[in-house]
Amino acid sequence: MEAIPRICVVDDDAAVRLALCNLLEAGGYRVLAFDSGEALLDAQDPEPADVAVFDVKLRGMSGFTLLERFRARNRARGCEVPALLISGHSDSAMEQRARDAGALDLLRKPVDPDCLFDRIEEALERREGAP
């Protein structure tokens, strides 16, 4: 039996977080949801997510800071978890900053469901192809 991919979602807007969770669960994924970067990093979860989706503008630590710390924690555990960033406002500079930070893509809110699913599937394929 093939494992159901786990998607980690961090968004401080409860309505957006719930909508993303419902969308991803309807798409056949298991979802781990957090309302802040701090909550995710404080969580004691021995099984890492397969893909992460972080909002850029969070209360407290930004999505960029979260991505940096999340990637460092996973490297220390010996794994890489592909990440997508989402933002209500983006421009080419923010998109480049997201790529420089290690995100696979920066998606604009409201997130197009087909685009989100395509990027998650690309991330899963990339992860499975990793050595």
Protein backbone atom coordinates (compact mmCIF):
# COMPACT_ATOMS: atom_id res chain seq x y z
CA MET A 1 0.00 0.00 0.00
CA GLU A 2 1.41 3.35 -1.07
CA ALA A 3 1.68 6.03 1.59
CA ILE A 4 -0.52 9.10 1.22
CA PRO A 5 1.70 12.18 0.79
CA ARG A 6 1.75 14.57 3.75
CA ILE A 7 1.52 18.28 3.05
CA CYS A 8 2.53 20.75 5.74
CA VAL A 9 0.59 24.03 5.57
CA VAL A 10 1.50 27.16 7.54
CA ASP A 11 -0.80 30.17 7.25
CA ASP A 12 -1.82 32.51 10.06
CA ASP A 13 -5.15 33.34 8.41
CA ALA A 14 -7.54 30.70 9.76
CA ALA A 15 -9.91 30.94 6.79
CA VAL A 16 -7.11 30.53 4.25
CA ARG A 17 -5.55 27.71 6.25
CA LEU A 18 -8.88 25.87 6.45
CA ALA A 19 -9.54 26.38 2.73
CA LEU A 20 -6.08 25.04 1.85
CA CYS A 21 -6.52 22.06 4.17
CA ASN A 22 -9.94 21.23 2.73
CA LEU A 23 -8.64 21.56 -0.83
CA LEU A 24 -5.59 19.38 -0.18
CA GLU A 25 -7.57 16.73 1.70
CA ALA A 26 -10.11 16.63 -1.14
CA GLY A 27 -7.15 16.14 -3.47
CA GLY A 28 -6.14 13.02 -1.57
CA TYR A 29 -3.35 14.37 0.64
CA ARG A 30 -2.89 14.22 4.39
CA VAL A 31 -2.43 17.69 5.84
CA LEU A 32 -0.51 18.98 8.83
CA ALA A 33 -1.62 22.56 9.52
CA PHE A 34 -0.03 25.23 11.69
CA ASP A 35 -0.95 28.84 12.39
CA SER A 36 2.65 30.06 12.66
CA GLY A 37 6.19 29.16 11.79
CA GLU A 38 6.98 28.94 15.47
CA ALA A 39 4.21 26.38 15.98
CA LEU A 40 5.58 24.21 13.17
CA LEU A 41 9.16 24.36 14.42
CA ASP A 42 8.04 23.63 18.00
CA ALA A 43 5.99 20.59 16.92
CA GLN A 44 7.40 17.20 17.79
CA ASP A 45 6.67 15.28 14.58
CA PRO A 46 9.00 12.37 13.90
CA GLU A 47 7.64 11.80 10.40
CA PRO A 48 8.52 14.68 8.06
CA ALA A 49 6.12 16.13 5.55
CA ASP A 50 6.54 15.34 1.87
CA VAL A 51 5.90 18.92 0.73
CA ALA A 52 5.56 22.20 2.62
CA VAL A 53 3.32 25.16 1.73
CA PHE A 54 4.11 28.34 3.66
CA ASP A 55 2.53 31.78 3.54
CA VAL A 56 5.14 34.51 3.08
CA LYS A 57 3.56 37.09 5.39
CA LEU A 58 3.04 35.42 8.74
CA ARG A 59 2.67 37.07 12.12
CA GLY A 60 5.93 36.56 13.94
CA MET A 61 8.53 34.86 11.80
CA SER A 62 8.15 35.43 8.07
CA GLY A 63 7.66 32.63 5.58
CA PHE A 64 11.19 33.23 4.32
CA THR A 65 12.67 32.83 7.81
CA LEU A 66 10.49 29.76 8.37
CA LEU A 67 11.67 28.23 5.10
CA GLU A 68 15.30 28.79 6.06
CA ARG A 69 14.87 27.22 9.52
CA PHE A 70 12.65 24.41 8.22
CA ARG A 71 15.21 23.48 5.56
CA ALA A 72 18.07 23.59 8.10
CA ARG A 73 16.14 21.35 10.52
CA ASN A 74 15.37 18.84 7.79
CA ARG A 75 18.97 18.81 6.53
CA ALA A 76 20.06 18.02 10.10
CA ARG A 77 17.60 15.09 10.00
CA GLY A 78 19.05 13.96 6.67
CA CYS A 79 16.06 14.80 4.49
CA GLU A 80 14.99 17.45 2.04
CA VAL A 81 11.37 18.59 1.93
CA PRO A 82 10.37 20.61 -1.13
CA ALA A 83 8.56 23.84 -0.28
CA LEU A 84 6.17 26.20 -1.99
CA LEU A 85 5.52 29.73 -0.80
CA ILE A 86 2.21 31.55 -1.21
CA SER A 87 1.52 35.27 -0.99
CA GLY A 88 -1.34 37.67 -1.55
CA HIS A 89 1.09 40.18 -3.04
CA SER A 90 4.10 39.22 -5.10
CA ASP A 91 6.38 40.70 -7.70
CA SER A 92 9.39 39.48 -9.64
CA ALA A 93 11.76 40.46 -6.80
CA MET A 94 9.77 38.40 -4.29
CA GLU A 95 9.60 35.49 -6.73
CA GLN A 96 13.39 35.60 -7.11
CA ARG A 97 13.85 35.84 -3.34
CA ALA A 98 11.64 32.75 -2.95
CA ARG A 99 13.75 30.77 -5.44
CA ASP A 100 16.97 32.00 -3.80
CA ALA A 101 15.61 30.82 -0.43
CA GLY A 102 15.07 27.34 -1.86
CA ALA A 103 11.33 27.43 -2.61
CA LEU A 104 10.22 25.59 -5.72
CA ASP A 105 7.75 28.33 -6.54
CA LEU A 106 5.87 31.32 -5.20
CA LEU A 107 2.14 31.07 -5.83
CA ARG A 108 -0.21 34.03 -5.62
CA LYS A 109 -3.32 34.00 -3.44
CA PRO A 110 -5.99 33.08 -4.07
CA VAL A 111 -4.14 29.96 -5.09
CA ASP A 112 -5.41 28.28 -8.24
CA PRO A 113 -6.20 24.68 -7.19
CA ASP A 114 -4.92 23.12 -10.42
CA CYS A 115 -1.69 25.07 -10.22
CA LEU A 116 -1.23 24.09 -6.56
CA PHE A 117 -1.81 20.41 -7.31
CA ASP A 118 0.57 20.56 -10.30
CA ARG A 119 3.32 22.14 -8.18
CA ILE A 120 2.80 19.62 -5.37
CA GLU A 121 3.03 16.72 -7.82
CA GLU A 122 6.21 18.24 -9.31
CA ALA A 123 7.63 18.56 -5.80
CA LEU A 124 6.76 14.96 -4.97
CA GLU A 125 8.38 13.74 -8.20
CA ARG A 126 11.47 15.80 -7.45
CA ARG A 127 11.62 14.38 -3.93
CA GLU A 128 11.22 10.79 -5.14
CA GLY A 129 13.98 11.36 -7.70
CA ALA A 130 16.39 12.71 -5.09
CA PRO A 131 19.31 10.47 -4.13
